Amino acid sequence: MHYKNIATNIIDDIEAGLLAQGAKLPSLRASANRHAVSITTMINCYRYLEELGWLEAMPQRGYFVKKPMTVHPTPHQPQFKGRAIQPKLNARYEPVEAQPKRLNSKPHPISPFGTSQLAPSLLPTENLQRSFKRSLNRLGDGLNFYPSVQGEPALRQALSQHFLQQGFAFHGDDLVITNGCLDAVNFAIEVTTSIGDTIAISSPCYSGLLDQLTNKQRKVIEIPCTNEGIDLQQLERLCQDKKIQAGLFSTTHMNPQGISMTPSQKQKLVALAEKYRVPMIEDDVFLELGTEKNCPLPAKHWDKNGWILWCGSVSKTLGAGLRVGWCLPGKYLHDYTSKQKTTHIGVSKPVQLAVSDFIQTGQYLAHLQRLRLRLMQQLTAYRDIISQELGDTVAISQPKGGTVIWLEAEALKQPDLLKKLEQKFDIRPGRAFSTLSHYDTYIRINAGWPLDECLPDQRSVKQQLIALCHAIKKAR
């Protein structure tokens, strides 16, 4: 039997529900015996299914069902000519803190659809706590001294080795540790621009970045997005005409729409920065939350002259409360560390050393490998439910990573409906992600919570998602 015939049978079983999403397939030897073929034939079969997107290979664990996302219309990408605008603060969307109402009471969990983050159940909290214990035991009297302004050498080296395993090489001495990714971006803005300068951003753009630019009194020019990333021709014209002093872009799994720049787009972004001597700040906080087997390379990978300031964090992958981020500021390293030194005296040493331990022991990479499969399953499941409930009345993004789904529906244009959805379901309206009025019919939903998790009202996340869809459907 030809391996493609076997593959077709396996696809039929997946589509018929006989093989569930995430189910582990029999070993190569067991499958070869079952189909009376050679192991080589089964290897070709499994690899073929992997290329088609039906299987996910997990090192030392085997092959798992990876049902491709449902084919569905994706949200429209508005096209326009950007112009400089002084942004104003949106209705700010702060993460809902899990604070107890009184002593000894249980904390109230955050809403699943609001903040773009993973559910606590998907994070390696217990193993991370062991890393804290080990690092504290080794710290000795180090707790009595201020941390290094640039960051603990152990963590910088651990991050250097970690990303080297994924094909992205840099020296730990060139890295600066910060209090989260937004902190890293803030310093990057300050060392590359001045008050009143204009910064190019993608449209739509994460609301937190818009608020930071507003607070720092920078003007913005929104660059339209495309299915491959952003309109680089328009960006080049702005660079050529000296209308911008810097760029600020998420290049992988953009928030809110979930798209990523292609490798060629990232290389072109680097080329533009170098050609016109315009620094580009790369907010890559979602880089490692992809559903593909390999982690994408950041634009910084192709930067040889230091015009890209690459910012990242473990906030989305390990826990927002850690507040550990970093920046690879390239040619701005001296200015960056000087700015950080005058602002605060480093990042918590115990936290840095705990994260370093978690990375160096191999637990971080193992966690990411498990997480990518789970995230792929969740994104697919969320999209399937929305598609089933709303049909062709809604356009749904098809992210290959990150935790958010971007929806477009004509019914969302009703202000009363949007207000109701915000209050009842804690979704984020499209208007929060732009200075323009192109996104009144869009909303963003966080898909980082497993659908079977129970909420305080005893309903599951799945039931809440269906209720959200029904509320949109009812307003049509």
Protein backbone atom coordinates (compact mmCIF):
# COMPACT_ATOMS: atom_id res chain seq x y z
CA MET A 1 0.00 0.00 0.00
CA HIS A 2 1.33 3.48 -0.90
CA TYR A 3 1.98 5.84 2.02
CA LYS A 4 -0.39 8.48 0.59
CA ASN A 5 -3.25 5.96 0.60
CA ILE A 6 -2.63 5.25 4.27
CA ALA A 7 -2.46 9.01 4.91
CA THR A 8 -5.84 9.50 3.22
CA ASN A 9 -7.38 6.86 5.50
CA ILE A 10 -5.95 8.57 8.57
CA ILE A 11 -7.33 11.94 7.43
CA ASP A 12 -10.75 10.33 6.95
CA ASP A 13 -10.61 8.98 10.52
CA ILE A 14 -9.71 12.44 11.85
CA GLU A 15 -12.53 14.14 9.94
CA ALA A 16 -14.99 11.47 11.09
CA GLY A 17 -14.02 12.09 14.71
CA LEU A 18 -12.50 8.63 15.17
CA LEU A 19 -9.17 10.31 15.93
CA ALA A 20 -9.66 13.31 18.20
CA GLN A 21 -7.69 16.54 18.19
CA GLY A 22 -4.48 15.95 20.14
CA ALA A 23 -4.82 12.16 20.12
CA LYS A 24 -1.55 10.22 19.97
CA LEU A 25 -1.12 7.97 16.95
CA PRO A 26 0.29 4.45 17.29
CA SER A 27 4.06 4.10 17.04
CA LEU A 28 5.65 3.72 13.62
CA ARG A 29 6.27 0.01 14.21
CA ALA A 30 2.71 -0.61 15.42
CA SER A 31 1.22 1.24 12.43
CA ALA A 32 3.53 -0.56 10.02
CA ASN A 33 2.36 -3.93 11.37
CA ARG A 34 -1.27 -2.86 11.22
CA HIS A 35 -1.06 -1.80 7.56
CA ALA A 36 1.38 -4.57 6.60
CA VAL A 37 3.95 -2.11 5.25
CA SER A 38 7.54 -1.27 6.04
CA ILE A 39 8.55 1.22 8.73
CA THR A 40 9.99 3.39 5.95
CA THR A 41 6.53 3.61 4.38
CA MET A 42 5.02 4.69 7.70
CA ILE A 43 7.73 7.28 8.23
CA ASN A 44 6.88 8.74 4.81
CA CYS A 45 3.18 8.64 5.69
CA TYR A 46 3.55 10.42 9.03
CA ARG A 47 5.91 13.01 7.56
CA TYR A 48 3.49 13.62 4.70
CA LEU A 49 0.63 14.16 7.16
CA GLU A 50 2.86 16.48 9.16
CA GLU A 51 3.57 18.58 6.05
CA LEU A 52 -0.16 18.80 5.33
CA GLY A 53 -0.80 19.99 8.87
CA TRP A 54 -2.67 16.92 10.11
CA LEU A 55 -0.01 15.67 12.52
CA GLU A 56 2.36 17.23 15.02
CA ALA A 57 5.64 15.46 15.85
CA MET A 58 6.66 15.83 19.50
CA PRO A 59 10.28 14.85 20.29
CA GLN A 60 10.51 11.61 22.28
CA ARG A 61 6.72 11.50 22.57
CA GLY A 62 5.43 10.53 19.13
CA TYR A 63 2.93 11.89 16.63
CA PHE A 64 -0.29 13.67 17.59
CA VAL A 65 -3.39 14.66 15.63
CA LYS A 66 -3.24 18.28 14.53
CA LYS A 67 -6.44 19.06 12.67
CA PRO A 68 -5.93 22.05 10.35
CA MET A 69 -7.93 25.13 11.22
CA THR A 70 -11.38 25.40 9.67
CA VAL A 71 -11.36 27.27 6.36
CA HIS A 72 -13.28 30.46 7.02
CA PRO A 73 -13.23 34.06 5.74
CA THR A 74 -10.60 36.12 7.55
CA PRO A 75 -11.10 39.75 8.66
CA HIS A 76 -10.62 42.48 6.09
CA GLN A 77 -7.37 44.45 6.28
CA PRO A 78 -8.31 48.13 5.74
CA GLN A 79 -5.96 49.94 3.35
CA PHE A 80 -5.30 53.66 3.65
CA LYS A 81 -2.56 56.31 3.56
CA GLY A 82 -1.24 56.96 7.05
CA ARG A 83 -0.76 60.42 8.49
CA ALA A 84 0.80 61.71 11.69
CA ILE A 85 -1.59 61.83 14.65
CA GLN A 86 -1.11 62.76 18.31
CA PRO A 87 -2.85 59.79 19.95
CA LYS A 88 -5.15 60.13 22.94
CA LEU A 89 -5.60 57.63 25.71
CA ASN A 90 -8.20 55.00 24.89
CA ALA A 91 -10.42 53.54 27.53
CA ARG A 92 -7.48 51.85 29.20
CA TYR A 93 -7.72 48.12 29.60
CA GLU A 94 -5.73 47.08 32.63
CA PRO A 95 -5.44 43.38 33.50
CA VAL A 96 -7.97 42.40 36.15
CA GLU A 97 -5.96 41.51 39.23
CA ALA A 98 -6.80 38.34 41.12
CA GLN A 99 -7.10 40.06 44.51
CA PRO A 100 -9.00 38.55 47.45
CA LYS A 101 -11.89 40.60 48.78
CA ARG A 102 -10.98 39.72 52.36
CA LEU A 103 -8.40 37.76 54.25
CA ASN A 104 -8.49 33.99 53.70
CA SER A 105 -10.93 34.30 50.79
CA LYS A 106 -10.10 32.76 47.44
CA PRO A 107 -8.91 35.16 44.73
CA HIS A 108 -11.31 35.83 41.88
CA PRO A 109 -9.84 34.67 38.56
CA ILE A 110 -9.61 37.04 35.62
CA SER A 111 -12.04 36.94 32.73
CA PRO A 112 -10.89 34.46 30.06
CA PHE A 113 -11.54 36.68 27.01
CA GLY A 114 -10.03 40.01 28.08
CA THR A 115 -6.30 40.01 28.75
CA SER A 116 -4.13 38.30 26.12
CA GLN A 117 -2.55 35.60 28.23
CA LEU A 118 -2.57 31.90 29.01
CA ALA A 119 -4.63 30.33 31.75
CA PRO A 120 -2.65 29.53 34.93
CA SER A 121 -3.38 25.83 34.35
CA LEU A 122 -1.17 25.92 31.23
CA LEU A 123 1.82 27.39 33.05
CA PRO A 124 4.55 25.31 34.80
CA THR A 125 4.04 27.00 38.16
CA GLU A 126 5.20 24.13 40.40
CA ASN A 127 8.38 23.50 38.43
CA LEU A 128 9.08 27.22 38.35
CA GLN A 129 8.68 27.36 42.12
CA ARG A 130 11.34 24.66 42.43
CA SER A 131 13.65 26.82 40.35
CA PHE A 132 13.00 29.66 42.78
CA LYS A 133 13.96 27.45 45.72
CA ARG A 134 17.15 26.23 44.05
CA SER A 135 18.23 29.72 43.03
CA LEU A 136 17.53 31.13 46.50
CA ASN A 137 19.56 28.37 48.12
CA ARG A 138 22.49 29.22 45.86
CA LEU A 139 22.12 32.98 46.24
CA GLY A 140 23.76 33.21 49.66
CA ASP A 141 24.39 36.81 50.68
CA GLY A 142 23.74 37.95 47.10
CA LEU A 143 20.32 39.05 48.26
CA ASN A 144 22.02 41.90 50.14
CA PHE A 145 23.46 43.47 46.99
CA TYR A 146 21.83 45.36 44.15
CA PRO A 147 21.36 43.44 40.90
CA SER A 148 23.39 44.25 37.81
CA VAL A 149 21.85 47.18 35.93
CA GLN A 150 22.23 45.32 32.63
CA GLY A 151 20.87 42.10 34.14
CA GLU A 152 22.32 39.05 35.84
CA PRO A 153 24.98 37.41 33.63
CA ALA A 154 23.49 33.97 34.32
CA LEU A 155 20.13 34.95 32.82
CA ARG A 156 21.64 36.78 29.86
CA GLN A 157 23.77 33.74 29.07
CA ALA A 158 20.82 31.36 29.54
CA LEU A 159 18.70 33.38 27.10
CA SER A 160 21.57 33.50 24.62
CA GLN A 161 21.91 29.70 24.70
CA HIS A 162 18.15 29.17 24.59
CA PHE A 163 17.62 31.21 21.43
CA LEU A 164 20.75 29.76 19.84
CA GLN A 165 19.00 26.37 19.97
CA GLN A 166 16.27 27.93 17.83
CA GLY A 167 18.65 29.39 15.25
CA PHE A 168 18.84 32.94 16.62
CA ALA A 169 22.38 33.77 17.79
CA PHE A 170 23.41 36.74 19.92
CA HIS A 171 25.89 37.36 22.73
CA GLY A 172 24.64 37.63 26.28
CA ASP A 173 26.80 40.72 26.83
CA ASP A 174 24.66 42.57 24.28
CA LEU A 175 21.38 41.86 26.11
CA VAL A 176 19.69 44.06 28.73
CA ILE A 177 17.21 42.61 31.25
CA THR A 178 14.10 44.70 31.95
CA ASN A 179 10.91 44.61 34.00
CA GLY A 180 8.81 42.98 31.30
CA CYS A 181 8.44 43.65 27.58
CA LEU A 182 6.62 46.98 27.87
CA ASP A 183 9.47 48.23 30.05
CA ALA A 184 11.92 47.14 27.34
CA VAL A 185 9.87 48.94 24.68
CA ASN A 186 9.61 52.09 26.81
CA PHE A 187 13.38 52.42 27.11
CA ALA A 188 13.73 51.72 23.38
CA ILE A 189 11.33 54.56 22.61
CA GLU A 190 13.22 56.94 24.87
CA VAL A 191 16.70 56.22 23.48
CA THR A 192 15.65 56.44 19.82
CA THR A 193 13.20 59.37 19.84
CA SER A 194 12.33 62.60 21.62
CA ILE A 195 9.07 64.26 22.69
CA GLY A 196 7.13 65.34 19.60
CA ASP A 197 8.81 62.82 17.28
CA THR A 198 6.72 60.58 15.04
CA ILE A 199 6.83 56.78 15.23
CA ALA A 200 5.39 54.40 12.64
CA ILE A 201 3.19 51.62 14.03
CA SER A 202 1.08 48.86 12.53
CA SER A 203 -2.67 49.25 12.15
CA PRO A 204 -4.26 47.85 14.23
CA CYS A 205 -1.75 48.06 17.09
CA TYR A 206 -1.78 46.66 20.63
CA SER A 207 -3.59 49.20 22.83
CA GLY A 208 -0.86 49.09 25.48
CA LEU A 209 1.71 50.33 22.97
CA LEU A 210 -0.61 53.13 21.88
CA ASP A 211 -1.02 54.22 25.50
CA GLN A 212 2.74 54.19 26.06
CA LEU A 213 3.29 56.38 23.01
CA THR A 214 0.57 58.74 24.20
CA ASN A 215 2.13 59.04 27.66
CA LYS A 216 5.53 59.74 26.09
CA GLN A 217 4.05 62.46 23.85
CA ARG A 218 5.05 60.81 20.58
CA LYS A 219 3.01 61.16 17.40
CA VAL A 220 2.13 58.05 15.42
CA ILE A 221 1.56 57.14 11.80
CA GLU A 222 -0.41 53.93 11.36
CA ILE A 223 0.80 51.60 8.60
CA PRO A 224 -1.87 49.31 7.11
CA CYS A 225 -1.42 45.59 7.62
CA THR A 226 -1.54 42.99 4.87
CA ASN A 227 -1.89 39.23 5.05
CA GLU A 228 1.91 39.01 4.91
CA GLY A 229 2.63 41.66 7.53
CA ILE A 230 2.58 45.42 6.91
CA ASP A 231 2.60 47.75 3.91
CA LEU A 232 6.38 48.11 3.57
CA GLN A 233 6.11 50.33 0.48
CA GLN A 234 4.26 52.93 2.51
CA LEU A 235 6.77 52.54 5.34
CA GLU A 236 9.66 53.10 2.93
CA ARG A 237 8.08 56.31 1.59
CA LEU A 238 7.82 57.62 5.15
CA CYS A 239 11.47 56.77 5.79
CA GLN A 240 12.53 58.31 2.50
CA ASP A 241 10.61 61.54 3.18
CA LYS A 242 11.98 61.68 6.78
CA LYS A 243 8.45 61.75 8.20
CA ILE A 244 9.24 59.27 10.97
CA GLN A 245 12.04 59.04 13.50
CA ALA A 246 11.47 55.36 14.39
CA GLY A 247 9.21 52.37 13.89
CA LEU A 248 7.52 50.17 16.50
CA PHE A 249 6.22 46.83 15.25
CA SER A 250 5.23 43.42 16.53
CA THR A 251 6.60 41.14 13.84
CA THR A 252 5.36 37.70 14.96
CA HIS A 253 1.80 36.77 16.04
CA MET A 254 0.72 40.42 16.14
CA ASN A 255 -1.77 41.50 18.76
CA PRO A 256 -4.70 41.81 17.98
CA GLN A 257 -4.97 40.19 14.55
CA GLY A 258 -2.52 37.30 15.05
CA ILE A 259 -0.70 37.62 11.72
CA SER A 260 3.09 37.47 11.35
CA MET A 261 5.50 39.13 8.97
CA THR A 262 7.00 36.67 6.54
CA PRO A 263 10.79 36.13 6.71
CA SER A 264 11.17 38.21 3.54
CA GLN A 265 9.18 41.05 5.14
CA LYS A 266 11.35 40.92 8.24
CA GLN A 267 14.49 41.08 6.11
CA LYS A 268 13.06 44.04 4.18
CA LEU A 269 12.25 45.79 7.47
CA VAL A 270 15.91 45.43 8.49
CA ALA A 271 17.05 46.67 5.08
CA LEU A 272 14.85 49.78 5.37
CA ALA A 273 16.16 50.55 8.85
CA GLU A 274 19.75 50.31 7.63
CA LYS A 275 19.23 52.16 4.35
CA TYR A 276 17.44 55.15 5.88
CA ARG A 277 19.09 54.96 9.30
CA VAL A 278 15.72 54.74 11.04
CA PRO A 279 15.67 52.58 14.20
CA MET A 280 12.97 49.90 14.37
CA ILE A 281 11.72 48.63 17.74
CA GLU A 282 10.63 44.98 17.50
CA ASP A 283 8.06 43.98 20.13
CA ASP A 284 8.34 40.19 20.04
CA VAL A 285 6.52 39.18 23.21
CA PHE A 286 4.53 36.43 21.40
CA LEU A 287 7.47 35.03 19.41
CA GLU A 288 7.63 31.70 21.27
CA LEU A 289 3.89 31.11 21.37
CA GLY A 290 3.66 29.68 17.87
CA THR A 291 1.79 26.55 16.85
CA GLU A 292 4.41 25.54 14.31
CA LYS A 293 7.11 22.99 15.10
CA ASN A 294 9.92 25.55 14.92
CA CYS A 295 10.02 29.00 16.46
CA PRO A 296 10.06 31.79 13.84
CA LEU A 297 13.15 33.98 13.59
CA PRO A 298 12.78 37.64 14.61
CA ALA A 299 13.73 40.47 12.29
CA LYS A 300 16.70 41.05 14.61
CA HIS A 301 18.22 37.83 13.28
CA TRP A 302 19.07 39.63 10.00
CA ASP A 303 20.25 42.86 11.66
CA LYS A 304 24.02 43.23 11.26
CA ASN A 305 24.37 46.96 11.98
CA GLY A 306 22.27 47.37 15.15
CA TRP A 307 19.26 49.33 13.86
CA ILE A 308 16.75 46.84 15.30
CA LEU A 309 15.97 47.00 19.04
CA TRP A 310 14.53 43.55 19.79
CA CYS A 311 12.26 43.32 22.87
CA GLY A 312 10.84 40.17 24.47
CA SER A 313 9.67 38.63 27.73
CA VAL A 314 8.57 35.48 29.53
CA SER A 315 5.35 37.22 30.62
CA LYS A 316 3.24 35.35 28.05
CA THR A 317 5.04 32.00 28.30
CA LEU A 318 5.81 31.60 32.03
CA GLY A 319 3.78 34.13 33.99
CA ALA A 320 2.92 37.83 33.85
CA GLY A 321 3.81 38.29 37.52
CA LEU A 322 7.48 37.50 36.93
CA ARG A 323 8.08 40.86 35.20
CA VAL A 324 11.19 39.67 33.38
CA GLY A 325 11.82 40.99 29.90
CA TRP A 326 14.79 41.98 27.79
CA CYS A 327 16.06 44.12 24.96
CA LEU A 328 18.80 43.56 22.42
CA PRO A 329 19.33 47.25 21.63
CA GLY A 330 22.06 46.90 19.04
CA LYS A 331 23.93 50.15 18.44
CA TYR A 332 21.94 51.79 21.25
CA LEU A 333 23.35 49.51 23.98
CA HIS A 334 25.30 52.24 25.79
CA ASP A 335 22.43 54.75 25.70
CA TYR A 336 19.98 52.03 26.70
CA THR A 337 21.90 50.90 29.78
CA SER A 338 22.57 54.53 30.76
CA LYS A 339 18.87 55.34 30.55
CA GLN A 340 18.00 52.25 32.60
CA LYS A 341 20.61 53.12 35.23
CA THR A 342 19.11 56.57 35.81
CA THR A 343 15.57 55.17 36.02
CA HIS A 344 15.84 52.13 38.29
CA ILE A 345 18.47 49.89 39.82
CA GLY A 346 17.95 46.69 37.87
CA VAL A 347 15.46 43.82 38.02
CA SER A 348 14.87 41.53 41.02
CA LYS A 349 17.91 39.26 41.32
CA PRO A 350 16.06 36.21 42.78
CA VAL A 351 13.50 36.31 39.95
CA GLN A 352 16.21 36.59 37.30
CA LEU A 353 18.13 33.66 38.75
CA ALA A 354 14.99 31.53 39.04
CA VAL A 355 14.12 32.12 35.38
CA SER A 356 17.74 31.38 34.49
CA ASP A 357 17.58 28.07 36.36
CA PHE A 358 14.33 27.15 34.63
CA ILE A 359 15.89 27.78 31.23
CA GLN A 360 19.24 26.13 31.93
CA THR A 361 17.67 22.91 33.25
CA GLY A 362 15.87 22.47 29.92
CA GLN A 363 12.42 22.87 31.45
CA TYR A 364 11.58 26.04 29.54
CA LEU A 365 12.11 24.53 26.10
CA ALA A 366 10.22 21.37 27.10
CA HIS A 367 7.35 23.53 28.39
CA LEU A 368 7.22 25.45 25.10
CA GLN A 369 7.14 22.25 23.05
CA ARG A 370 4.17 20.95 25.04
CA LEU A 371 2.48 24.32 25.03
CA ARG A 372 2.61 24.81 21.26
CA LEU A 373 0.53 21.71 20.62
CA ARG A 374 -1.99 22.67 23.28
CA LEU A 375 -2.23 26.21 21.95
CA MET A 376 -2.80 24.97 18.43
CA GLN A 377 -5.63 22.78 19.70
CA GLN A 378 -7.22 25.69 21.57
CA LEU A 379 -7.02 28.16 18.69
CA THR A 380 -8.59 25.57 16.40
CA ALA A 381 -11.34 24.75 18.90
CA TYR A 382 -12.20 28.41 19.51
CA ARG A 383 -12.39 29.09 15.77
CA ASP A 384 -14.53 26.00 15.19
CA ILE A 385 -17.08 27.06 17.83
CA ILE A 386 -17.28 30.63 16.53
CA SER A 387 -17.63 29.35 12.97
CA GLN A 388 -20.36 26.88 13.92
CA GLU A 389 -22.33 29.44 15.92
CA LEU A 390 -22.02 32.48 13.64
CA GLY A 391 -21.44 30.95 10.22
CA ASP A 392 -20.64 33.33 7.38
CA THR A 393 -21.84 36.38 9.33
CA VAL A 394 -18.41 36.69 10.92
CA ALA A 395 -14.83 36.74 9.63
CA ILE A 396 -12.30 35.00 11.89
CA SER A 397 -8.54 35.40 12.00
CA GLN A 398 -6.42 32.31 11.47
CA PRO A 399 -3.43 32.83 13.76
CA LYS A 400 -0.49 30.44 13.83
CA GLY A 401 0.45 31.56 17.29
CA GLY A 402 -0.23 34.01 20.07
CA THR A 403 -3.34 33.80 22.22
CA VAL A 404 -5.84 36.09 20.51
CA ILE A 405 -8.50 35.80 17.82
CA TRP A 406 -9.63 38.82 15.79
CA LEU A 407 -13.27 38.89 14.67
CA GLU A 408 -15.12 41.09 12.21
CA ALA A 409 -18.93 41.19 12.03
CA GLU A 410 -21.31 43.86 10.78
CA ALA A 411 -23.47 43.40 13.89
CA LEU A 412 -20.60 44.72 16.03
CA LYS A 413 -21.10 48.19 14.57
CA GLN A 414 -23.93 48.72 17.06
CA PRO A 415 -22.52 50.78 19.98
CA ASP A 416 -25.03 49.34 22.45
CA LEU A 417 -24.03 45.78 21.53
CA LEU A 418 -20.33 46.51 21.91
CA LYS A 419 -20.90 48.07 25.31
CA LYS A 420 -22.90 45.03 26.41
CA LEU A 421 -20.24 42.62 25.17
CA GLU A 422 -17.50 44.59 26.92
CA GLN A 423 -19.37 44.58 30.23
CA LYS A 424 -20.63 41.01 30.17
CA PHE A 425 -17.83 39.14 28.41
CA ASP A 426 -14.81 41.43 28.83
CA ILE A 427 -13.94 41.40 25.13
CA ARG A 428 -11.79 44.15 23.60
CA PRO A 429 -13.41 46.34 20.91
CA GLY A 430 -11.51 47.07 17.72
CA ARG A 431 -11.47 50.81 18.39
CA ALA A 432 -9.06 50.21 21.30
CA PHE A 433 -6.33 49.20 18.84
CA SER A 434 -6.19 52.26 16.61
CA THR A 435 -6.32 56.05 16.47
CA LEU A 436 -8.52 55.65 13.38
CA SER A 437 -12.13 54.56 12.88
CA HIS A 438 -11.48 51.53 10.66
CA TYR A 439 -12.15 48.86 13.29
CA ASP A 440 -15.64 49.62 14.64
CA THR A 441 -16.88 46.20 13.49
CA TYR A 442 -14.02 44.21 15.05
CA ILE A 443 -13.42 42.65 18.46
CA ARG A 444 -10.52 40.74 20.00
CA ILE A 445 -10.99 37.56 22.05
CA ASN A 446 -8.32 35.90 24.15
CA ALA A 447 -8.12 32.17 23.40
CA GLY A 448 -5.53 31.32 26.04
CA TRP A 449 -7.92 29.49 28.37
CA PRO A 450 -8.87 25.82 27.88
CA LEU A 451 -12.51 25.53 26.91
CA ASP A 452 -13.26 22.97 29.60
CA GLU A 453 -12.10 25.18 32.48
CA CYS A 454 -14.78 26.22 34.93
CA LEU A 455 -15.58 29.89 35.64
CA PRO A 456 -16.82 31.36 38.96
CA ASP A 457 -20.46 31.05 37.86
CA GLN A 458 -19.84 27.30 37.31
CA ARG A 459 -20.07 27.66 33.55
CA SER A 460 -17.21 26.47 31.40
CA VAL A 461 -15.18 28.73 29.12
CA LYS A 462 -16.82 26.89 26.20
CA GLN A 463 -20.29 27.77 27.47
CA GLN A 464 -19.21 31.37 27.90
CA LEU A 465 -17.85 31.49 24.34
CA ILE A 466 -21.11 30.08 22.99
CA ALA A 467 -23.04 32.67 25.01
CA LEU A 468 -20.88 35.40 23.49
CA CYS A 469 -21.63 34.10 20.00
CA HIS A 470 -25.35 33.98 20.79
CA ALA A 471 -25.25 37.60 21.95
CA ILE A 472 -23.69 38.63 18.64
CA LYS A 473 -26.12 36.45 16.67
CA LYS A 474 -29.11 37.90 18.49
CA ALA A 475 -28.12 41.44 17.49
CA ARG A 476 -28.06 40.71 13.75
